Amino acid sequence: MASKDNSVNIKSGGGGKAARAYHHGDLRAAVIAAGLDRLAEGDGAELGLRALARDVGVSATALYRHFPDKEALLDALADEGLRRLGALQAQAWLKAGGGVAGFKATGIAYVRFAHDEPALFRLSFTRQMPDRKEGGDGGEVAYNLLRAGVGEALPGVANVDTAATHAWALVHGLAMLILDRRIDWDEARVAEVVGLTFGGVG
């Protein structure tokens, strides 16, 4: 007996959108993926519920179960951005073997994420995210890695949170300088600047 295909195939619509398919019960994920695609297009991308409903081939009404309004959709996209950032930094930390090298790698990963996904980065840090009673988000993962890195790099620091804020301010400021085209993207230079965060930490 042939298996049934529960996916919905979406024909390319106007505006050159690529064909998309999603499985029943996974509409929320499909809409977030469509929103990320639109963010990747750069400035001027339409992020309304109607536009994204068209992208995944459903009516706008069908999205209200998951996103009561556009603000909820933007919050979901920002949350996904923080999750991606946290995952990338965690990978960088592990690949570098933790410690001081891992601390530096997470900073470089932060700036690289901003460079590679500027619209998502900006959105993720301009939304007021709701408090979470359970679990966590990518921002929490990233901040915990930052605190751990500070503890490894500066074991005698009096206030880890203050030092972590210092490091965060540096990489975020560096990312914004690159996004605002005040300085050019140069990964070697980024690595050098991040290494100087705590007076020459390598």
C-alpha atoms as a PDB file:
ATOM      1  CA  MET A   1       0.000   0.000   0.000  1.00  0.00           C
ATOM      2  CA  ALA A   2       1.450   3.326  -0.992  1.00  0.00           C
ATOM      3  CA  SER A   3       2.145   5.737   1.840  1.00  0.00           C
ATOM      4  CA  LYS A   4       0.174   8.941   1.928  1.00  0.00           C
ATOM      5  CA  ASP A   5       2.002  12.211   1.486  1.00  0.00           C
ATOM      6  CA  ASN A   6       0.697  14.721   4.011  1.00  0.00           C
ATOM      7  CA  SER A   7       2.697  17.626   2.621  1.00  0.00           C
ATOM      8  CA  VAL A   8       1.096  20.536   0.849  1.00  0.00           C
ATOM      9  CA  ASN A   9       2.994  21.564  -2.263  1.00  0.00           C
ATOM     10  CA  ILE A  10       3.047  25.291  -2.851  1.00  0.00           C
ATOM     11  CA  LYS A  11       3.418  26.653  -6.336  1.00  0.00           C
ATOM     12  CA  SER A  12       5.666  29.610  -6.825  1.00  0.00           C
ATOM     13  CA  GLY A  13       3.662  32.799  -6.566  1.00  0.00           C
ATOM     14  CA  GLY A  14       4.358  36.320  -7.694  1.00  0.00           C
ATOM     15  CA  GLY A  15       7.564  37.999  -6.664  1.00  0.00           C
ATOM     16  CA  GLY A  16       9.749  35.023  -7.518  1.00  0.00           C
ATOM     17  CA  LYS A  17       9.181  33.095  -4.309  1.00  0.00           C
ATOM     18  CA  ALA A  18      10.588  29.575  -4.330  1.00  0.00           C
ATOM     19  CA  ALA A  19       8.198  26.651  -4.068  1.00  0.00           C
ATOM     20  CA  ARG A  20       7.647  25.549  -0.474  1.00  0.00           C
ATOM     21  CA  ALA A  21       6.027  22.553   1.183  1.00  0.00           C
ATOM     22  CA  TYR A  22       4.993  22.024   4.777  1.00  0.00           C
ATOM     23  CA  HIS A  23       3.465  19.120   6.655  1.00  0.00           C
ATOM     24  CA  HIS A  24       0.121  19.358   8.393  1.00  0.00           C
ATOM     25  CA  GLY A  25       0.622  20.200  12.044  1.00  0.00           C
ATOM     26  CA  ASP A  26       3.828  22.096  11.340  1.00  0.00           C
ATOM     27  CA  LEU A  27       2.348  25.330  10.023  1.00  0.00           C
ATOM     28  CA  ARG A  28       4.008  27.485  12.671  1.00  0.00           C
ATOM     29  CA  ALA A  29       7.477  26.246  11.710  1.00  0.00           C
ATOM     30  CA  ALA A  30       6.695  26.730   8.016  1.00  0.00           C
ATOM     31  CA  VAL A  31       5.638  30.329   8.598  1.00  0.00           C
ATOM     32  CA  ILE A  32       8.756  31.077  10.654  1.00  0.00           C
ATOM     33  CA  ALA A  33      10.898  29.566   7.877  1.00  0.00           C
ATOM     34  CA  ALA A  34       9.086  31.738   5.322  1.00  0.00           C
ATOM     35  CA  GLY A  35       9.654  34.790   7.509  1.00  0.00           C
ATOM     36  CA  LEU A  36      13.353  34.003   7.765  1.00  0.00           C
ATOM     37  CA  ASP A  37      13.503  33.717   3.984  1.00  0.00           C
ATOM     38  CA  ARG A  38      11.920  37.154   3.638  1.00  0.00           C
ATOM     39  CA  LEU A  39      14.301  38.652   6.212  1.00  0.00           C
ATOM     40  CA  ALA A  40      17.208  37.276   4.205  1.00  0.00           C
ATOM     41  CA  GLU A  41      16.014  39.347   1.248  1.00  0.00           C
ATOM     42  CA  GLY A  42      17.124  42.460   3.095  1.00  0.00           C
ATOM     43  CA  ASP A  43      15.511  45.835   3.690  1.00  0.00           C
ATOM     44  CA  GLY A  44      11.961  46.273   2.541  1.00  0.00           C
ATOM     45  CA  ALA A  45      10.916  42.635   2.928  1.00  0.00           C
ATOM     46  CA  GLU A  46       7.209  42.335   3.704  1.00  0.00           C
ATOM     47  CA  LEU A  47       6.630  40.450   6.961  1.00  0.00           C
ATOM     48  CA  GLY A  48       2.862  40.690   7.281  1.00  0.00           C
ATOM     49  CA  LEU A  49       0.713  37.666   8.064  1.00  0.00           C
ATOM     50  CA  ARG A  50      -0.998  37.842   4.687  1.00  0.00           C
ATOM     51  CA  ALA A  51       2.302  37.819   2.806  1.00  0.00           C
ATOM     52  CA  LEU A  52       3.598  34.837   4.741  1.00  0.00           C
ATOM     53  CA  ALA A  53       0.286  33.023   4.402  1.00  0.00           C
ATOM     54  CA  ARG A  54       0.674  33.345   0.644  1.00  0.00           C
ATOM     55  CA  ASP A  55       4.209  31.989   0.848  1.00  0.00           C
ATOM     56  CA  VAL A  56       3.086  28.776   2.553  1.00  0.00           C
ATOM     57  CA  GLY A  57      -0.174  28.491   0.632  1.00  0.00           C
ATOM     58  CA  VAL A  58      -2.812  29.008   3.318  1.00  0.00           C
ATOM     59  CA  SER A  59      -5.257  31.748   4.213  1.00  0.00           C
ATOM     60  CA  ALA A  60      -4.199  34.448   6.651  1.00  0.00           C
ATOM     61  CA  THR A  61      -6.955  33.239   8.977  1.00  0.00           C
ATOM     62  CA  ALA A  62      -5.156  29.913   9.334  1.00  0.00           C
ATOM     63  CA  LEU A  63      -2.166  31.690  10.884  1.00  0.00           C
ATOM     64  CA  TYR A  64      -4.079  33.335  13.721  1.00  0.00           C
ATOM     65  CA  ARG A  65      -4.007  30.151  15.761  1.00  0.00           C
ATOM     66  CA  HIS A  66      -0.239  30.469  15.981  1.00  0.00           C
ATOM     67  CA  PHE A  67       0.228  34.222  15.590  1.00  0.00           C
ATOM     68  CA  PRO A  68      -2.650  36.411  16.817  1.00  0.00           C
ATOM     69  CA  ASP A  69      -1.056  39.460  15.196  1.00  0.00           C
ATOM     70  CA  LYS A  70       2.051  40.665  13.393  1.00  0.00           C
ATOM     71  CA  GLU A  71       3.776  41.517  16.670  1.00  0.00           C
ATOM     72  CA  ALA A  72       3.540  37.882  17.769  1.00  0.00           C
ATOM     73  CA  LEU A  73       5.050  36.831  14.449  1.00  0.00           C
ATOM     74  CA  LEU A  74       7.953  39.270  14.798  1.00  0.00           C
ATOM     75  CA  ASP A  75       8.558  38.031  18.350  1.00  0.00           C
ATOM     76  CA  ALA A  76       8.707  34.454  17.055  1.00  0.00           C
ATOM     77  CA  LEU A  77      11.215  35.419  14.363  1.00  0.00           C
ATOM     78  CA  ALA A  78      13.340  37.304  16.884  1.00  0.00           C
ATOM     79  CA  ASP A  79      13.248  34.315  19.205  1.00  0.00           C
ATOM     80  CA  GLU A  80      14.401  32.056  16.380  1.00  0.00           C
ATOM     81  CA  GLY A  81      17.243  34.480  15.668  1.00  0.00           C
ATOM     82  CA  LEU A  82      18.410  34.261  19.284  1.00  0.00           C
ATOM     83  CA  ARG A  83      18.178  30.476  19.170  1.00  0.00           C
ATOM     84  CA  ARG A  84      20.330  30.398  16.036  1.00  0.00           C
ATOM     85  CA  LEU A  85      22.865  32.740  17.578  1.00  0.00           C
ATOM     86  CA  GLY A  86      23.046  30.656  20.750  1.00  0.00           C
ATOM     87  CA  ALA A  87      23.482  27.451  18.750  1.00  0.00           C
ATOM     88  CA  LEU A  88      26.268  28.933  16.635  1.00  0.00           C
ATOM     89  CA  GLN A  89      28.091  30.199  19.695  1.00  0.00           C
ATOM     90  CA  ALA A  90      27.721  26.841  21.442  1.00  0.00           C
ATOM     91  CA  GLN A  91      29.191  25.107  18.388  1.00  0.00           C
ATOM     92  CA  ALA A  92      32.058  27.598  18.280  1.00  0.00           C
ATOM     93  CA  TRP A  93      32.719  27.078  22.000  1.00  0.00           C
ATOM     94  CA  LEU A  94      32.866  23.292  21.647  1.00  0.00           C
ATOM     95  CA  LYS A  95      34.942  23.356  18.466  1.00  0.00           C
ATOM     96  CA  ALA A  96      37.533  25.576  20.160  1.00  0.00           C
ATOM     97  CA  GLY A  97      37.661  23.285  23.190  1.00  0.00           C
ATOM     98  CA  GLY A  98      36.173  25.746  25.677  1.00  0.00           C
ATOM     99  CA  GLY A  99      38.294  27.856  27.960  1.00  0.00           C
ATOM    100  CA  VAL A 100      39.913  31.049  26.734  1.00  0.00           C
ATOM    101  CA  ALA A 101      39.901  29.830  23.132  1.00  0.00           C
ATOM    102  CA  GLY A 102      36.202  29.037  23.403  1.00  0.00           C
ATOM    103  CA  PHE A 103      35.502  32.448  24.882  1.00  0.00           C
ATOM    104  CA  LYS A 104      37.176  34.121  21.923  1.00  0.00           C
ATOM    105  CA  ALA A 105      35.393  31.821  19.443  1.00  0.00           C
ATOM    106  CA  THR A 106      31.954  32.719  20.813  1.00  0.00           C
ATOM    107  CA  GLY A 107      32.713  36.413  20.345  1.00  0.00           C
ATOM    108  CA  ILE A 108      33.797  35.893  16.763  1.00  0.00           C
ATOM    109  CA  ALA A 109      30.693  33.772  16.112  1.00  0.00           C
ATOM    110  CA  TYR A 110      28.510  36.592  17.456  1.00  0.00           C
ATOM    111  CA  VAL A 111      29.935  39.152  15.053  1.00  0.00           C
ATOM    112  CA  ARG A 112      29.907  36.685  12.148  1.00  0.00           C
ATOM    113  CA  PHE A 113      26.203  35.972  12.734  1.00  0.00           C
ATOM    114  CA  ALA A 114      25.457  39.693  12.585  1.00  0.00           C
ATOM    115  CA  HIS A 115      27.404  39.982   9.348  1.00  0.00           C
ATOM    116  CA  ASP A 116      25.824  36.916   7.736  1.00  0.00           C
ATOM    117  CA  GLU A 117      22.218  37.583   8.811  1.00  0.00           C
ATOM    118  CA  PRO A 118      21.971  41.331   9.410  1.00  0.00           C
ATOM    119  CA  ALA A 119      18.175  41.690   9.247  1.00  0.00           C
ATOM    120  CA  LEU A 120      17.583  38.777  11.620  1.00  0.00           C
ATOM    121  CA  PHE A 121      20.284  40.050  13.966  1.00  0.00           C
ATOM    122  CA  ARG A 122      18.749  43.521  14.105  1.00  0.00           C
ATOM    123  CA  LEU A 123      15.252  42.129  14.648  1.00  0.00           C
ATOM    124  CA  SER A 124      16.432  39.796  17.395  1.00  0.00           C
ATOM    125  CA  PHE A 125      17.890  42.659  19.401  1.00  0.00           C
ATOM    126  CA  THR A 126      15.126  45.211  18.870  1.00  0.00           C
ATOM    127  CA  ARG A 127      12.199  43.109  20.125  1.00  0.00           C
ATOM    128  CA  GLN A 128      11.210  43.077  23.790  1.00  0.00           C
ATOM    129  CA  MET A 129      11.138  39.365  24.435  1.00  0.00           C
ATOM    130  CA  PRO A 130       8.607  38.005  26.962  1.00  0.00           C
ATOM    131  CA  ASP A 131       9.769  36.536  30.267  1.00  0.00           C
ATOM    132  CA  ARG A 132      10.116  32.766  30.226  1.00  0.00           C
ATOM    133  CA  LYS A 133       9.014  30.591  33.097  1.00  0.00           C
ATOM    134  CA  GLU A 134      10.287  27.359  31.544  1.00  0.00           C
ATOM    135  CA  GLY A 135      13.169  26.432  29.285  1.00  0.00           C
ATOM    136  CA  GLY A 136      15.260  29.136  27.681  1.00  0.00           C
ATOM    137  CA  ASP A 137      16.115  30.784  24.448  1.00  0.00           C
ATOM    138  CA  GLY A 138      19.230  31.285  22.391  1.00  0.00           C
ATOM    139  CA  GLY A 139      19.928  34.555  24.140  1.00  0.00           C
ATOM    140  CA  GLU A 140      20.108  32.741  27.456  1.00  0.00           C
ATOM    141  CA  VAL A 141      22.405  30.096  25.985  1.00  0.00           C
ATOM    142  CA  ALA A 142      24.661  32.792  24.543  1.00  0.00           C
ATOM    143  CA  TYR A 143      24.790  34.742  27.802  1.00  0.00           C
ATOM    144  CA  ASN A 144      25.592  31.639  29.858  1.00  0.00           C
ATOM    145  CA  LEU A 145      28.449  30.866  27.480  1.00  0.00           C
ATOM    146  CA  LEU A 146      29.641  34.441  27.848  1.00  0.00           C
ATOM    147  CA  ARG A 147      29.670  34.163  31.651  1.00  0.00           C
ATOM    148  CA  ALA A 148      31.495  30.840  31.446  1.00  0.00           C
ATOM    149  CA  GLY A 149      34.052  32.342  29.076  1.00  0.00           C
ATOM    150  CA  VAL A 150      34.670  35.286  31.380  1.00  0.00           C
ATOM    151  CA  GLY A 151      35.162  32.877  34.272  1.00  0.00           C
ATOM    152  CA  GLU A 152      37.759  30.956  32.266  1.00  0.00           C
ATOM    153  CA  ALA A 153      39.554  34.018  30.901  1.00  0.00           C
ATOM    154  CA  LEU A 154      39.487  36.048  34.106  1.00  0.00           C
ATOM    155  CA  PRO A 155      39.221  33.589  37.019  1.00  0.00           C
ATOM    156  CA  GLY A 156      39.829  36.302  39.601  1.00  0.00           C
ATOM    157  CA  VAL A 157      37.306  38.837  38.304  1.00  0.00           C
ATOM    158  CA  ALA A 158      35.275  40.415  41.109  1.00  0.00           C
ATOM    159  CA  ASN A 159      31.951  40.590  39.251  1.00  0.00           C
ATOM    160  CA  VAL A 160      31.401  38.087  36.456  1.00  0.00           C
ATOM    161  CA  ASP A 161      28.187  39.760  35.277  1.00  0.00           C
ATOM    162  CA  THR A 162      29.888  43.133  34.918  1.00  0.00           C
ATOM    163  CA  ALA A 163      32.742  41.563  32.976  1.00  0.00           C
ATOM    164  CA  ALA A 164      30.249  39.649  30.822  1.00  0.00           C
ATOM    165  CA  THR A 165      28.391  42.856  30.053  1.00  0.00           C
ATOM    166  CA  HIS A 166      31.697  44.456  29.083  1.00  0.00           C
ATOM    167  CA  ALA A 167      32.430  41.620  26.657  1.00  0.00           C
ATOM    168  CA  TRP A 168      28.895  41.647  25.241  1.00  0.00           C
ATOM    169  CA  ALA A 169      29.036  45.411  24.716  1.00  0.00           C
ATOM    170  CA  LEU A 170      32.271  45.015  22.793  1.00  0.00           C
ATOM    171  CA  VAL A 171      31.119  42.312  20.379  1.00  0.00           C
ATOM    172  CA  HIS A 172      27.697  43.914  19.914  1.00  0.00           C
ATOM    173  CA  GLY A 173      29.264  47.287  19.250  1.00  0.00           C
ATOM    174  CA  LEU A 174      31.717  45.741  16.822  1.00  0.00           C
ATOM    175  CA  ALA A 175      28.841  43.981  15.036  1.00  0.00           C
ATOM    176  CA  MET A 176      26.890  47.223  14.738  1.00  0.00           C
ATOM    177  CA  LEU A 177      29.917  49.104  13.398  1.00  0.00           C
ATOM    178  CA  ILE A 178      30.139  46.497  10.652  1.00  0.00           C
ATOM    179  CA  LEU A 179      26.394  46.498   9.931  1.00  0.00           C
ATOM    180  CA  ASP A 180      26.335  50.303   9.799  1.00  0.00           C
ATOM    181  CA  ARG A 181      29.326  50.185   7.427  1.00  0.00           C
ATOM    182  CA  ARG A 182      31.560  52.196   9.708  1.00  0.00           C
ATOM    183  CA  ILE A 183      34.210  49.527   9.329  1.00  0.00           C
ATOM    184  CA  ASP A 184      34.610  46.751   6.769  1.00  0.00           C
ATOM    185  CA  TRP A 185      33.997  43.094   7.533  1.00  0.00           C
ATOM    186  CA  ASP A 186      37.342  41.391   8.102  1.00  0.00           C
ATOM    187  CA  GLU A 187      37.229  38.190  10.127  1.00  0.00           C
ATOM    188  CA  ALA A 188      40.921  38.328  10.992  1.00  0.00           C
ATOM    189  CA  ARG A 189      40.454  41.831  12.359  1.00  0.00           C
ATOM    190  CA  VAL A 190      37.342  40.754  14.246  1.00  0.00           C
ATOM    191  CA  ALA A 191      39.344  37.944  15.868  1.00  0.00           C
ATOM    192  CA  GLU A 192      42.079  40.408  16.844  1.00  0.00           C
ATOM    193  CA  VAL A 193      39.622  42.882  18.361  1.00  0.00           C
ATOM    194  CA  VAL A 194      37.769  40.178  20.283  1.00  0.00           C
ATOM    195  CA  GLY A 195      41.109  38.891  21.565  1.00  0.00           C
ATOM    196  CA  LEU A 196      41.809  42.301  23.044  1.00  0.00           C
ATOM    197  CA  THR A 197      38.548  42.360  24.990  1.00  0.00           C
ATOM    198  CA  PHE A 198      40.273  41.688  28.277  1.00  0.00           C
ATOM    199  CA  GLY A 199      43.632  43.325  27.818  1.00  0.00           C
ATOM    200  CA  GLY A 200      45.172  40.853  25.428  1.00  0.00           C
ATOM    201  CA  VAL A 201      43.256  37.625  26.074  1.00  0.00           C
ATOM    202  CA  GLY A 202      44.205  35.395  23.148  1.00  0.00           C
END
